[in-house]
């Protein structure tokens, strides 16, 4: 049996905690096969460099999952709490070699088309179909690619986190819809973001009760800062 890497164990612990908690309804749960040819994150990064000439920061070793796919779509449906979320983490080795997502329309400006052509999807919402996804932006051989969040109902926003920070925040938020906006310059005080903000507030009220050993104070402070 393949020994799980530390981050893989964290991801499976997350899915197990949601699967077995009575307050969560699980809509879908997907766990793909694991890459048994590469024993650790360093081997994955070496293959990315060899195959695609992209040399990523060695720090990425600590946040690599070798599962071809690991995702979950969940909800809490209670009289006072209606909360939903989804994550669908893809294997970074596959991500780098993937094609860009089809985001451009007939009226998309050339500069925006070029931006989209650099995207490779690391996390999306295939079960709920919310039209949101997170991508790394491949530019040459950058060791720390930018992260961008796309929302078909709103716009595309550069995120203020790197890949490993993204994964750390995903573990904490459990993929609650819109959590990525906490780390963008999106105008969260605008009316168009009212539903997103309400969901984030509800998450920060509810999750400390469900997960008392996790620290949500940084996310609470981040939301307060974004709403100033």
Protein backbone atom coordinates (compact mmCIF):
# COMPACT_ATOMS: atom_id res chain seq x y z
CA UNK A 1 0.00 0.00 0.00
CA UNK A 2 1.35 3.43 -0.97
CA UNK A 3 2.35 5.61 1.96
CA UNK A 4 0.55 8.93 1.84
CA UNK A 5 2.50 12.16 1.83
CA UNK A 6 1.73 14.64 4.62
CA UNK A 7 -0.51 16.82 2.46
CA UNK A 8 -2.29 13.80 1.00
CA UNK A 9 -3.07 12.68 4.54
CA UNK A 10 -4.42 16.14 5.36
CA UNK A 11 -6.70 16.01 2.32
CA UNK A 12 -8.02 12.56 3.15
CA UNK A 13 -8.51 13.61 6.77
CA UNK A 14 -10.56 16.55 5.48
CA UNK A 15 -12.80 14.37 3.33
CA UNK A 16 -13.23 11.84 6.14
CA UNK A 17 -14.19 14.57 8.60
CA UNK A 18 -16.90 15.83 6.25
CA UNK A 19 -18.11 12.35 5.27
CA UNK A 20 -18.66 11.29 8.85
CA UNK A 21 -19.98 14.49 10.40
CA UNK A 22 -23.79 14.46 10.80
CA UNK A 23 -24.21 18.14 9.88
CA UNK A 24 -22.73 17.69 6.40
CA UNK A 25 -24.66 16.30 3.46
CA UNK A 26 -22.29 14.94 0.83
CA UNK A 27 -23.45 15.44 -2.75
CA UNK A 28 -20.37 13.94 -4.43
CA UNK A 29 -17.02 12.54 -3.32
CA UNK A 30 -14.28 11.72 -5.82
CA UNK A 31 -10.90 10.23 -5.03
CA UNK A 32 -8.82 9.22 -8.04
CA UNK A 33 -5.87 6.86 -8.21
CA UNK A 34 -2.53 7.82 -6.73
CA UNK A 35 0.75 8.11 -8.66
CA UNK A 36 2.78 5.22 -7.26
CA UNK A 37 5.76 5.87 -9.55
CA UNK A 38 6.82 8.97 -7.59
CA UNK A 39 7.50 8.49 -3.90
CA UNK A 40 7.51 12.12 -2.82
CA UNK A 41 6.93 15.71 -3.81
CA UNK A 42 10.52 16.18 -4.95
CA UNK A 43 10.09 13.43 -7.55
CA UNK A 44 6.93 15.14 -8.82
CA UNK A 45 8.73 18.46 -9.16
CA UNK A 46 11.61 16.76 -10.95
CA UNK A 47 9.19 15.26 -13.48
CA UNK A 48 7.53 18.63 -14.04
CA UNK A 49 10.94 20.13 -14.75
CA UNK A 50 12.00 17.27 -17.03
CA UNK A 51 8.75 17.03 -19.00
CA UNK A 52 7.66 20.66 -19.21
CA UNK A 53 10.79 22.70 -18.40
CA UNK A 54 8.99 24.37 -15.51
CA UNK A 55 11.10 24.48 -12.36
CA UNK A 56 8.78 25.14 -9.43
CA UNK A 57 9.84 26.31 -6.00
CA UNK A 58 11.10 23.34 -3.94
CA UNK A 59 8.74 24.53 -1.17
CA UNK A 60 5.90 23.10 -3.27
CA UNK A 61 7.00 19.64 -2.14
CA UNK A 62 5.05 20.08 1.08
CA UNK A 63 1.72 20.76 -0.63
CA UNK A 64 1.64 18.19 -3.43
CA UNK A 65 -1.04 15.55 -3.69
CA UNK A 66 -0.41 12.66 -6.08
CA UNK A 67 -4.09 11.78 -6.34
CA UNK A 68 -5.21 12.23 -9.94
CA UNK A 69 -8.22 14.01 -8.50
CA UNK A 70 -9.66 14.55 -5.05
CA UNK A 71 -12.93 16.39 -4.66
CA UNK A 72 -16.06 16.81 -2.62
CA UNK A 73 -19.32 18.74 -2.94
CA UNK A 74 -21.04 19.24 0.41
CA UNK A 75 -23.80 21.24 2.06
CA UNK A 76 -25.24 22.07 5.46
CA UNK A 77 -29.00 22.49 5.26
CA UNK A 78 -30.47 23.53 8.59
CA UNK A 79 -33.12 26.08 9.58
CA UNK A 80 -30.49 28.64 10.57
CA UNK A 81 -27.55 27.48 8.45
CA UNK A 82 -27.55 27.00 4.69
CA UNK A 83 -23.96 26.62 3.60
CA UNK A 84 -22.36 24.89 0.63
CA UNK A 85 -18.92 24.25 -0.75
CA UNK A 86 -16.92 22.25 -3.22
CA UNK A 87 -13.31 21.54 -4.05
CA UNK A 88 -11.75 19.42 -6.77
CA UNK A 89 -7.97 19.29 -6.44
CA UNK A 90 -6.03 18.08 -9.46
CA UNK A 91 -2.59 16.45 -9.59
CA UNK A 92 -0.02 19.16 -10.19
CA UNK A 93 1.97 17.01 -12.64
CA UNK A 94 -1.17 16.69 -14.78
CA UNK A 95 -2.07 20.35 -14.30
CA UNK A 96 1.18 21.65 -15.79
CA UNK A 97 0.71 19.50 -18.90
CA UNK A 98 -2.97 20.29 -19.32
CA UNK A 99 -4.55 22.65 -21.86
CA UNK A 100 -5.93 26.05 -20.77
CA UNK A 101 -9.60 26.23 -19.77
CA UNK A 102 -12.02 27.59 -22.37
CA UNK A 103 -12.94 30.91 -20.79
CA UNK A 104 -12.84 33.40 -23.67
CA UNK A 105 -15.94 34.47 -25.58
CA UNK A 106 -16.41 36.21 -28.91
CA UNK A 107 -16.03 39.65 -27.31
CA UNK A 108 -13.08 38.83 -25.06
CA UNK A 109 -10.24 41.36 -25.57
CA UNK A 110 -6.89 40.04 -26.80
CA UNK A 111 -5.12 40.84 -23.53
CA UNK A 112 -7.68 38.83 -21.58
CA UNK A 113 -7.41 35.95 -24.08
CA UNK A 114 -3.65 35.91 -23.52
CA UNK A 115 -4.18 35.81 -19.76
CA UNK A 116 -6.59 32.90 -20.05
CA UNK A 117 -4.17 31.03 -22.31
CA UNK A 118 -1.64 30.99 -19.46
CA UNK A 119 -4.09 29.37 -17.03
CA UNK A 120 -3.92 25.77 -15.85
CA UNK A 121 -6.74 24.70 -13.54
CA UNK A 122 -5.81 23.44 -10.07
CA UNK A 123 -9.27 23.48 -8.43
CA UNK A 124 -12.81 23.78 -9.78
CA UNK A 125 -16.48 22.99 -9.11
CA UNK A 126 -17.65 20.32 -11.60
CA UNK A 127 -20.45 18.95 -9.44
CA UNK A 128 -22.27 22.17 -8.64
CA UNK A 129 -21.45 23.93 -11.91
CA UNK A 130 -21.00 27.32 -10.27
CA UNK A 131 -18.70 28.50 -13.04
CA UNK A 132 -15.75 29.13 -10.74
CA UNK A 133 -12.22 27.81 -10.94
CA UNK A 134 -8.74 28.51 -9.65
CA UNK A 135 -5.67 28.41 -11.87
CA UNK A 136 -1.97 28.83 -11.76
CA UNK A 137 -0.62 31.11 -14.47
CA UNK A 138 2.27 29.62 -16.41
CA UNK A 139 4.67 32.29 -17.64
CA UNK A 140 7.93 30.91 -18.93
CA UNK A 141 9.78 29.05 -16.22
CA UNK A 142 8.51 31.04 -13.23
CA UNK A 143 9.24 29.15 -9.99
CA UNK A 144 6.26 30.65 -8.15
CA UNK A 145 3.40 31.07 -10.64
CA UNK A 146 0.61 33.55 -9.95
CA UNK A 147 -2.76 32.19 -8.85
CA UNK A 148 -6.01 33.50 -10.37
CA UNK A 149 -9.66 32.97 -9.50
CA UNK A 150 -12.28 33.00 -12.27
CA UNK A 151 -16.00 33.50 -11.62
CA UNK A 152 -18.22 33.44 -14.70
CA UNK A 153 -20.81 35.65 -12.93
CA UNK A 154 -18.31 38.32 -11.95
CA UNK A 155 -14.77 38.50 -13.31
CA UNK A 156 -11.28 37.10 -12.95
CA UNK A 157 -9.09 38.12 -10.02
CA UNK A 158 -5.46 37.60 -9.17
CA UNK A 159 -5.08 35.96 -5.77
CA UNK A 160 -2.68 37.16 -3.08
CA UNK A 161 -1.49 33.67 -2.19
CA UNK A 162 0.89 31.11 -3.66
CA UNK A 163 0.06 27.48 -4.40
CA UNK A 164 0.84 26.13 -0.96
CA UNK A 165 -1.00 28.95 0.78
CA UNK A 166 -4.00 28.24 -1.42
CA UNK A 167 -4.03 24.61 -0.34
CA UNK A 168 -3.65 25.54 3.31
CA UNK A 169 -6.64 27.88 3.13
CA UNK A 170 -8.68 25.29 1.26
CA UNK A 171 -8.16 22.83 4.10
CA UNK A 172 -9.46 25.39 6.56
CA UNK A 173 -12.44 26.65 4.53
CA UNK A 174 -13.35 23.15 3.26
CA UNK A 175 -14.01 24.75 -0.12
CA UNK A 176 -16.86 26.98 1.08
CA UNK A 177 -18.13 28.82 -1.99
CA UNK A 178 -16.36 32.11 -2.52
CA UNK A 179 -13.57 31.63 0.02
CA UNK A 180 -11.04 32.62 -2.63
CA UNK A 181 -12.41 36.17 -2.63
CA UNK A 182 -10.82 36.68 0.77
CA UNK A 183 -7.48 36.75 -1.02
CA UNK A 184 -8.28 39.00 -3.98
CA UNK A 185 -8.95 42.70 -4.46
CA UNK A 186 -12.58 42.05 -5.38
CA UNK A 187 -14.93 44.80 -4.06
CA UNK A 188 -16.62 42.72 -1.38
CA UNK A 189 -18.64 45.67 -0.11
CA UNK A 190 -20.47 45.94 -3.43
CA UNK A 191 -24.02 44.63 -3.66
CA UNK A 192 -22.96 42.01 -6.22
CA UNK A 193 -20.91 40.27 -3.51
CA UNK A 194 -23.55 40.32 -0.77
CA UNK A 195 -24.31 36.61 -1.10
CA UNK A 196 -20.63 35.70 -1.08
CA UNK A 197 -19.96 37.79 2.02
CA UNK A 198 -22.99 36.38 3.85
CA UNK A 199 -21.77 32.87 3.13
CA UNK A 200 -18.28 33.66 4.42
CA UNK A 201 -19.71 35.18 7.60
CA UNK A 202 -21.86 32.11 8.12
CA UNK A 203 -18.86 29.84 7.58
CA UNK A 204 -16.90 31.75 10.23
CA UNK A 205 -19.82 31.48 12.66
CA UNK A 206 -20.47 27.79 12.04
CA UNK A 207 -17.11 26.11 11.49
CA UNK A 208 -15.60 26.96 14.89
CA UNK A 209 -18.47 24.99 16.46
CA UNK A 210 -17.87 22.00 14.19
CA UNK A 211 -14.07 22.13 14.14
CA UNK A 212 -13.09 23.55 17.56
CA UNK A 213 -9.43 22.57 17.18
CA UNK A 214 -8.92 24.70 14.07
CA UNK A 215 -8.03 28.39 14.16
CA UNK A 216 -10.36 30.56 12.11
CA UNK A 217 -9.21 33.85 13.61
CA UNK A 218 -6.94 34.72 10.62
CA UNK A 219 -9.83 34.24 8.19
CA UNK A 220 -12.12 36.32 10.40
CA UNK A 221 -9.53 39.10 10.46
CA UNK A 222 -9.05 38.83 6.72
CA UNK A 223 -12.77 39.24 6.04
CA UNK A 224 -12.98 42.23 8.37
CA UNK A 225 -10.05 43.83 6.55
CA UNK A 226 -11.63 43.21 3.15
CA UNK A 227 -14.90 44.83 4.28
CA UNK A 228 -13.34 48.08 5.53
